[in-house]
Amino acid sequence: HNKQLACLQARLRLSTTTISLPDILS
């Protein structure tokens, strides 16, 4: 989820892995 955000890892340590599904309801 954060493979290109590795340089920001210390800053984003409180984050939660997530996905958003814009088409699932339709």
PDB file of all heavy atoms in Angstrom:
ATOM      1  N   HIS A   1       0.804  -1.217   0.000  1.00  0.00           N
ATOM      2  CA  HIS A   1       0.000   0.000   0.000  1.00  0.00           C
ATOM      3  C   HIS A   1       0.838   1.268   0.000  1.00  0.00           C
ATOM      4  O   HIS A   1       0.393   2.303  -0.460  1.00  0.00           O
ATOM      5  CB  HIS A   1      -0.947   0.017   1.201  1.00  0.00           C
ATOM      6  CG  HIS A   1      -2.105  -0.901   1.041  1.00  0.00           C
ATOM      7  ND1 HIS A   1      -3.383  -0.446   0.874  1.00  0.00           N
ATOM      8  CD2 HIS A   1      -2.182  -2.256   0.989  1.00  0.00           C
ATOM      9  CE1 HIS A   1      -4.213  -1.472   0.738  1.00  0.00           C
ATOM     10  NE2 HIS A   1      -3.491  -2.581   0.809  1.00  0.00           N
ATOM     11  N   ASN A   2       2.020   1.188   0.540  1.00  0.00           N
ATOM     12  CA  ASN A   2       2.853   2.394   0.599  1.00  0.00           C
ATOM     13  C   ASN A   2       4.221   2.183  -0.030  1.00  0.00           C
ATOM     14  O   ASN A   2       5.184   2.786   0.383  1.00  0.00           O
ATOM     15  CB  ASN A   2       2.981   2.894   2.035  1.00  0.00           C
ATOM     16  CG  ASN A   2       3.653   1.896   2.943  1.00  0.00           C
ATOM     17  OD1 ASN A   2       4.168   0.881   2.500  1.00  0.00           O
ATOM     18  ND2 ASN A   2       3.645   2.182   4.227  1.00  0.00           N
ATOM     19  N   LYS A   3       4.292   1.344  -1.076  1.00  0.00           N
ATOM     20  CA  LYS A   3       5.589   1.008  -1.669  1.00  0.00           C
ATOM     21  C   LYS A   3       6.328   2.218  -2.212  1.00  0.00           C
ATOM     22  O   LYS A   3       7.537   2.247  -2.201  1.00  0.00           O
ATOM     23  CB  LYS A   3       5.442  -0.066  -2.738  1.00  0.00           C
ATOM     24  CG  LYS A   3       4.601   0.300  -3.925  1.00  0.00           C
ATOM     25  CD  LYS A   3       4.469  -0.881  -4.851  1.00  0.00           C
ATOM     26  CE  LYS A   3       3.421  -0.584  -5.914  1.00  0.00           C
ATOM     27  NZ  LYS A   3       3.137  -1.768  -6.697  1.00  0.00           N
ATOM     28  N   GLN A   4       5.648   3.220  -2.683  1.00  0.00           N
ATOM     29  CA  GLN A   4       6.317   4.425  -3.173  1.00  0.00           C
ATOM     30  C   GLN A   4       6.365   5.527  -2.123  1.00  0.00           C
ATOM     31  O   GLN A   4       6.805   6.624  -2.392  1.00  0.00           O
ATOM     32  CB  GLN A   4       5.617   4.925  -4.431  1.00  0.00           C
ATOM     33  CG  GLN A   4       5.728   3.933  -5.569  1.00  0.00           C
ATOM     34  CD  GLN A   4       5.047   4.435  -6.814  1.00  0.00           C
ATOM     35  OE1 GLN A   4       4.685   5.606  -6.923  1.00  0.00           O
ATOM     36  NE2 GLN A   4       4.876   3.571  -7.781  1.00  0.00           N
ATOM     37  N   LEU A   5       5.901   5.202  -0.929  1.00  0.00           N
ATOM     38  CA  LEU A   5       5.899   6.178   0.158  1.00  0.00           C
ATOM     39  C   LEU A   5       6.917   5.828   1.236  1.00  0.00           C
ATOM     40  O   LEU A   5       6.850   6.325   2.343  1.00  0.00           O
ATOM     41  CB  LEU A   5       4.501   6.259   0.784  1.00  0.00           C
ATOM     42  CG  LEU A   5       3.375   6.675  -0.141  1.00  0.00           C
ATOM     43  CD1 LEU A   5       2.034   6.500   0.549  1.00  0.00           C
ATOM     44  CD2 LEU A   5       3.562   8.098  -0.614  1.00  0.00           C
ATOM     45  N   ALA A   6       7.869   4.946   0.917  1.00  0.00           N
ATOM     46  CA  ALA A   6       8.829   4.467   1.913  1.00  0.00           C
ATOM     47  C   ALA A   6       9.604   5.616   2.564  1.00  0.00           C
ATOM     48  O   ALA A   6       9.896   5.573   3.758  1.00  0.00           O
ATOM     49  CB  ALA A   6       9.796   3.474   1.274  1.00  0.00           C
ATOM     50  N   CYS A   7       9.925   6.650   1.810  1.00  0.00           N
ATOM     51  CA  CYS A   7      10.667   7.780   2.373  1.00  0.00           C
ATOM     52  C   CYS A   7       9.841   8.549   3.401  1.00  0.00           C
ATOM     53  O   CYS A   7      10.377   9.302   4.198  1.00  0.00           O
ATOM     54  CB  CYS A   7      11.138   8.712   1.268  1.00  0.00           C
ATOM     55  SG  CYS A   7       9.792   9.399   0.293  1.00  0.00           S
ATOM     56  N   LEU A   8       8.531   8.336   3.421  1.00  0.00           N
ATOM     57  CA  LEU A   8       7.654   9.040   4.348  1.00  0.00           C
ATOM     58  C   LEU A   8       7.191   8.144   5.496  1.00  0.00           C
ATOM     59  O   LEU A   8       6.322   8.520   6.264  1.00  0.00           O
ATOM     60  CB  LEU A   8       6.422   9.562   3.598  1.00  0.00           C
ATOM     61  CG  LEU A   8       6.695  10.412   2.368  1.00  0.00           C
ATOM     62  CD1 LEU A   8       5.404  10.683   1.620  1.00  0.00           C
ATOM     63  CD2 LEU A   8       7.385  11.695   2.737  1.00  0.00           C
ATOM     64  N   GLN A   9       7.767   6.947   5.600  1.00  0.00           N
ATOM     65  CA  GLN A   9       7.295   5.937   6.531  1.00  0.00           C
ATOM     66  C   GLN A   9       7.240   6.436   7.975  1.00  0.00           C
ATOM     67  O   GLN A   9       6.272   6.194   8.677  1.00  0.00           O
ATOM     68  CB  GLN A   9       8.170   4.687   6.436  1.00  0.00           C
ATOM     69  CG  GLN A   9       7.600   3.473   7.112  1.00  0.00           C
ATOM     70  CD  GLN A   9       6.315   3.015   6.434  1.00  0.00           C
ATOM     71  OE1 GLN A   9       5.955   3.456   5.356  1.00  0.00           O
ATOM     72  NE2 GLN A   9       5.609   2.134   7.086  1.00  0.00           N
ATOM     73  N   ALA A  10       8.269   7.130   8.426  1.00  0.00           N
ATOM     74  CA  ALA A  10       8.276   7.611   9.814  1.00  0.00           C
ATOM     75  C   ALA A  10       7.134   8.581  10.052  1.00  0.00           C
ATOM     76  O   ALA A  10       6.501   8.567  11.102  1.00  0.00           O
ATOM     77  CB  ALA A  10       9.614   8.278  10.125  1.00  0.00           C
ATOM     78  N   ARG A  11       6.835   9.398   9.073  1.00  0.00           N
ATOM     79  CA  ARG A  11       5.778  10.391   9.204  1.00  0.00           C
ATOM     80  C   ARG A  11       4.389   9.745   9.168  1.00  0.00           C
ATOM     81  O   ARG A  11       3.454  10.229   9.780  1.00  0.00           O
ATOM     82  CB  ARG A  11       5.921  11.403   8.072  1.00  0.00           C
ATOM     83  CG  ARG A  11       4.862  12.454   8.056  1.00  0.00           C
ATOM     84  CD  ARG A  11       5.065  13.463   9.200  1.00  0.00           C
ATOM     85  NE  ARG A  11       3.961  14.369   9.279  1.00  0.00           N
ATOM     86  CZ  ARG A  11       3.851  15.489   8.590  1.00  0.00           C
ATOM     87  NH1 ARG A  11       4.790  15.839   7.752  1.00  0.00           N
ATOM     88  NH2 ARG A  11       2.799  16.248   8.734  1.00  0.00           N
ATOM     89  N   LEU A  12       4.273   8.644   8.441  1.00  0.00           N
ATOM     90  CA  LEU A  12       2.975   8.009   8.255  1.00  0.00           C
ATOM     91  C   LEU A  12       2.787   6.776   9.139  1.00  0.00           C
ATOM     92  O   LEU A  12       1.957   5.937   8.868  1.00  0.00           O
ATOM     93  CB  LEU A  12       2.811   7.613   6.780  1.00  0.00           C
ATOM     94  CG  LEU A  12       2.886   8.767   5.787  1.00  0.00           C
ATOM     95  CD1 LEU A  12       2.876   8.236   4.367  1.00  0.00           C
ATOM     96  CD2 LEU A  12       1.770   9.748   6.013  1.00  0.00           C
ATOM     97  N   ARG A  13       3.536   6.674  10.209  1.00  0.00           N
ATOM     98  CA  ARG A  13       3.513   5.469  11.050  1.00  0.00           C
ATOM     99  C   ARG A  13       2.164   5.217  11.727  1.00  0.00           C
ATOM    100  O   ARG A  13       1.839   4.106  12.069  1.00  0.00           O
ATOM    101  CB  ARG A  13       4.616   5.531  12.098  1.00  0.00           C
ATOM    102  CG  ARG A  13       4.407   6.571  13.171  1.00  0.00           C
ATOM    103  CD  ARG A  13       5.601   6.696  14.105  1.00  0.00           C
ATOM    104  NE  ARG A  13       5.370   7.696  15.116  1.00  0.00           N
ATOM    105  CZ  ARG A  13       5.428   8.999  14.904  1.00  0.00           C
ATOM    106  NH1 ARG A  13       5.697   9.469  13.709  1.00  0.00           N
ATOM    107  NH2 ARG A  13       5.200   9.860  15.878  1.00  0.00           N
ATOM    108  N   LEU A  14       1.341   6.238  11.898  1.00  0.00           N
ATOM    109  CA  LEU A  14       0.045   6.065  12.537  1.00  0.00           C
ATOM    110  C   LEU A  14      -1.060   5.753  11.532  1.00  0.00           C
ATOM    111  O   LEU A  14      -2.227   5.687  11.898  1.00  0.00           O
ATOM    112  CB  LEU A  14      -0.325   7.331  13.318  1.00  0.00           C
ATOM    113  CG  LEU A  14       0.614   7.707  14.458  1.00  0.00           C
ATOM    114  CD1 LEU A  14       0.181   9.025  15.088  1.00  0.00           C
ATOM    115  CD2 LEU A  14       0.672   6.608  15.495  1.00  0.00           C
ATOM    116  N   SER A  15      -0.699   5.553  10.282  1.00  0.00           N
ATOM    117  CA  SER A  15      -1.700   5.311   9.243  1.00  0.00           C
ATOM    118  C   SER A  15      -2.188   3.867   9.277  1.00  0.00           C
ATOM    119  O   SER A  15      -1.551   2.989   9.844  1.00  0.00           O
ATOM    120  CB  SER A  15      -1.126   5.637   7.869  1.00  0.00           C
ATOM    121  OG  SER A  15      -0.049   4.771   7.583  1.00  0.00           O
ATOM    122  N   THR A  16      -3.343   3.644   8.663  1.00  0.00           N
ATOM    123  CA  THR A  16      -3.949   2.318   8.561  1.00  0.00           C
ATOM    124  C   THR A  16      -4.070   1.967   7.087  1.00  0.00           C
ATOM    125  O   THR A  16      -4.517   2.790   6.288  1.00  0.00           O
ATOM    126  CB  THR A  16      -5.354   2.324   9.196  1.00  0.00           C
ATOM    127  OG1 THR A  16      -5.239   2.742  10.559  1.00  0.00           O
ATOM    128  CG2 THR A  16      -5.982   0.943   9.142  1.00  0.00           C
ATOM    129  N   THR A  17      -3.680   0.765   6.733  1.00  0.00           N
ATOM    130  CA  THR A  17      -3.794   0.292   5.363  1.00  0.00           C
ATOM    131  C   THR A  17      -5.265   0.275   4.967  1.00  0.00           C
ATOM    132  O   THR A  17      -6.107  -0.194   5.715  1.00  0.00           O
ATOM    133  CB  THR A  17      -3.193  -1.123   5.259  1.00  0.00           C
ATOM    134  OG1 THR A  17      -1.841  -1.072   5.715  1.00  0.00           O
ATOM    135  CG2 THR A  17      -3.219  -1.642   3.847  1.00  0.00           C
ATOM    136  N   THR A  18      -5.571   0.803   3.775  1.00  0.00           N
ATOM    137  CA  THR A  18      -6.967   0.920   3.364  1.00  0.00           C
ATOM    138  C   THR A  18      -7.116   0.799   1.857  1.00  0.00           C
ATOM    139  O   THR A  18      -6.146   0.963   1.114  1.00  0.00           O
ATOM    140  CB  THR A  18      -7.573   2.260   3.834  1.00  0.00           C
ATOM    141  OG1 THR A  18      -8.974   2.256   3.627  1.00  0.00           O
ATOM    142  CG2 THR A  18      -6.959   3.432   3.115  1.00  0.00           C
ATOM    143  N   ILE A  19      -8.344   0.518   1.433  1.00  0.00           N
ATOM    144  CA  ILE A  19      -8.738   0.662   0.038  1.00  0.00           C
ATOM    145  C   ILE A  19     -10.081   1.391   0.018  1.00  0.00           C
ATOM    146  O   ILE A  19     -10.862   1.306   0.969  1.00  0.00           O
ATOM    147  CB  ILE A  19      -8.847  -0.681  -0.726  1.00  0.00           C
ATOM    148  CG1 ILE A  19      -9.860  -1.631  -0.087  1.00  0.00           C
ATOM    149  CG2 ILE A  19      -7.496  -1.326  -0.899  1.00  0.00           C
ATOM    150  CD1 ILE A  19     -10.089  -2.914  -0.870  1.00  0.00           C
ATOM    151  N   SER A  20     -10.307   2.115  -1.048  1.00  0.00           N
ATOM    152  CA  SER A  20     -11.587   2.758  -1.275  1.00  0.00           C
ATOM    153  C   SER A  20     -12.141   2.160  -2.559  1.00  0.00           C
ATOM    154  O   SER A  20     -11.393   1.910  -3.509  1.00  0.00           O
ATOM    155  CB  SER A  20     -11.380   4.270  -1.426  1.00  0.00           C
ATOM    156  OG  SER A  20     -12.589   4.922  -1.686  1.00  0.00           O
ATOM    157  N   LEU A  21     -13.435   1.898  -2.588  1.00  0.00           N
ATOM    158  CA  LEU A  21     -14.045   1.151  -3.689  1.00  0.00           C
ATOM    159  C   LEU A  21     -15.137   1.980  -4.371  1.00  0.00           C
ATOM    160  O   LEU A  21     -16.325   1.822  -4.082  1.00  0.00           O
ATOM    161  CB  LEU A  21     -14.611  -0.161  -3.154  1.00  0.00           C
ATOM    162  CG  LEU A  21     -13.558  -1.035  -2.448  1.00  0.00           C
ATOM    163  CD1 LEU A  21     -14.213  -2.058  -1.553  1.00  0.00           C
ATOM    164  CD2 LEU A  21     -12.666  -1.689  -3.475  1.00  0.00           C
ATOM    165  N   PRO A  22     -14.753   2.869  -5.303  1.00  0.00           N
ATOM    166  CA  PRO A  22     -15.748   3.764  -5.902  1.00  0.00           C
ATOM    167  C   PRO A  22     -16.805   3.075  -6.757  1.00  0.00           C
ATOM    168  O   PRO A  22     -17.870   3.642  -6.983  1.00  0.00           O
ATOM    169  CB  PRO A  22     -14.903   4.723  -6.743  1.00  0.00           C
ATOM    170  CG  PRO A  22     -13.571   4.116  -6.866  1.00  0.00           C
ATOM    171  CD  PRO A  22     -13.400   3.143  -5.757  1.00  0.00           C
ATOM    172  N   ASP A  23     -16.564   1.851  -7.233  1.00  0.00           N
ATOM    173  CA  ASP A  23     -17.521   1.187  -8.126  1.00  0.00           C
ATOM    174  C   ASP A  23     -18.314   0.063  -7.480  1.00  0.00           C
ATOM    175  O   ASP A  23     -19.202  -0.503  -8.108  1.00  0.00           O
ATOM    176  CB  ASP A  23     -16.784   0.618  -9.345  1.00  0.00           C
ATOM    177  CG  ASP A  23     -16.127   1.703 -10.164  1.00  0.00           C
ATOM    178  OD1 ASP A  23     -16.726   2.790 -10.296  1.00  0.00           O
ATOM    179  OD2 ASP A  23     -15.012   1.475 -10.665  1.00  0.00           O
ATOM    180  N   ILE A  24     -18.034  -0.281  -6.246  1.00  0.00           N
ATOM    181  CA  ILE A  24     -18.640  -1.473  -5.659  1.00  0.00           C
ATOM    182  C   ILE A  24     -20.149  -1.326  -5.435  1.00  0.00           C
ATOM    183  O   ILE A  24     -20.893  -2.295  -5.584  1.00  0.00           O
ATOM    184  CB  ILE A  24     -17.915  -1.892  -4.354  1.00  0.00           C
ATOM    185  CG1 ILE A  24     -18.258  -3.326  -4.008  1.00  0.00           C
ATOM    186  CG2 ILE A  24     -18.219  -0.929  -3.230  1.00  0.00           C
ATOM    187  CD1 ILE A  24     -17.388  -3.925  -2.919  1.00  0.00           C
ATOM    188  N   LEU A  25     -20.612  -0.136  -5.112  1.00  0.00           N
ATOM    189  CA  LEU A  25     -22.053   0.033  -4.900  1.00  0.00           C
ATOM    190  C   LEU A  25     -22.827  -0.102  -6.202  1.00  0.00           C
ATOM    191  O   LEU A  25     -23.858  -0.772  -6.247  1.00  0.00           O
ATOM    192  CB  LEU A  25     -22.356   1.382  -4.249  1.00  0.00           C
ATOM    193  CG  LEU A  25     -21.951   1.516  -2.792  1.00  0.00           C
ATOM    194  CD1 LEU A  25     -22.194   2.941  -2.307  1.00  0.00           C
ATOM    195  CD2 LEU A  25     -22.692   0.522  -1.934  1.00  0.00           C
ATOM    196  N   SER A  26     -22.330   0.512  -7.270  1.00  0.00           N
ATOM    197  CA  SER A  26     -23.035   0.401  -8.550  1.00  0.00           C
ATOM    198  C   SER A  26     -23.004  -1.029  -9.065  1.00  0.00           C
ATOM    199  O   SER A  26     -23.971  -1.501  -9.665  1.00  0.00           O
ATOM    200  CB  SER A  26     -22.442   1.359  -9.583  1.00  0.00           C
ATOM    201  OG  SER A  26     -21.082   1.059  -9.827  1.00  0.00           O
TER     202      SER A  26
END
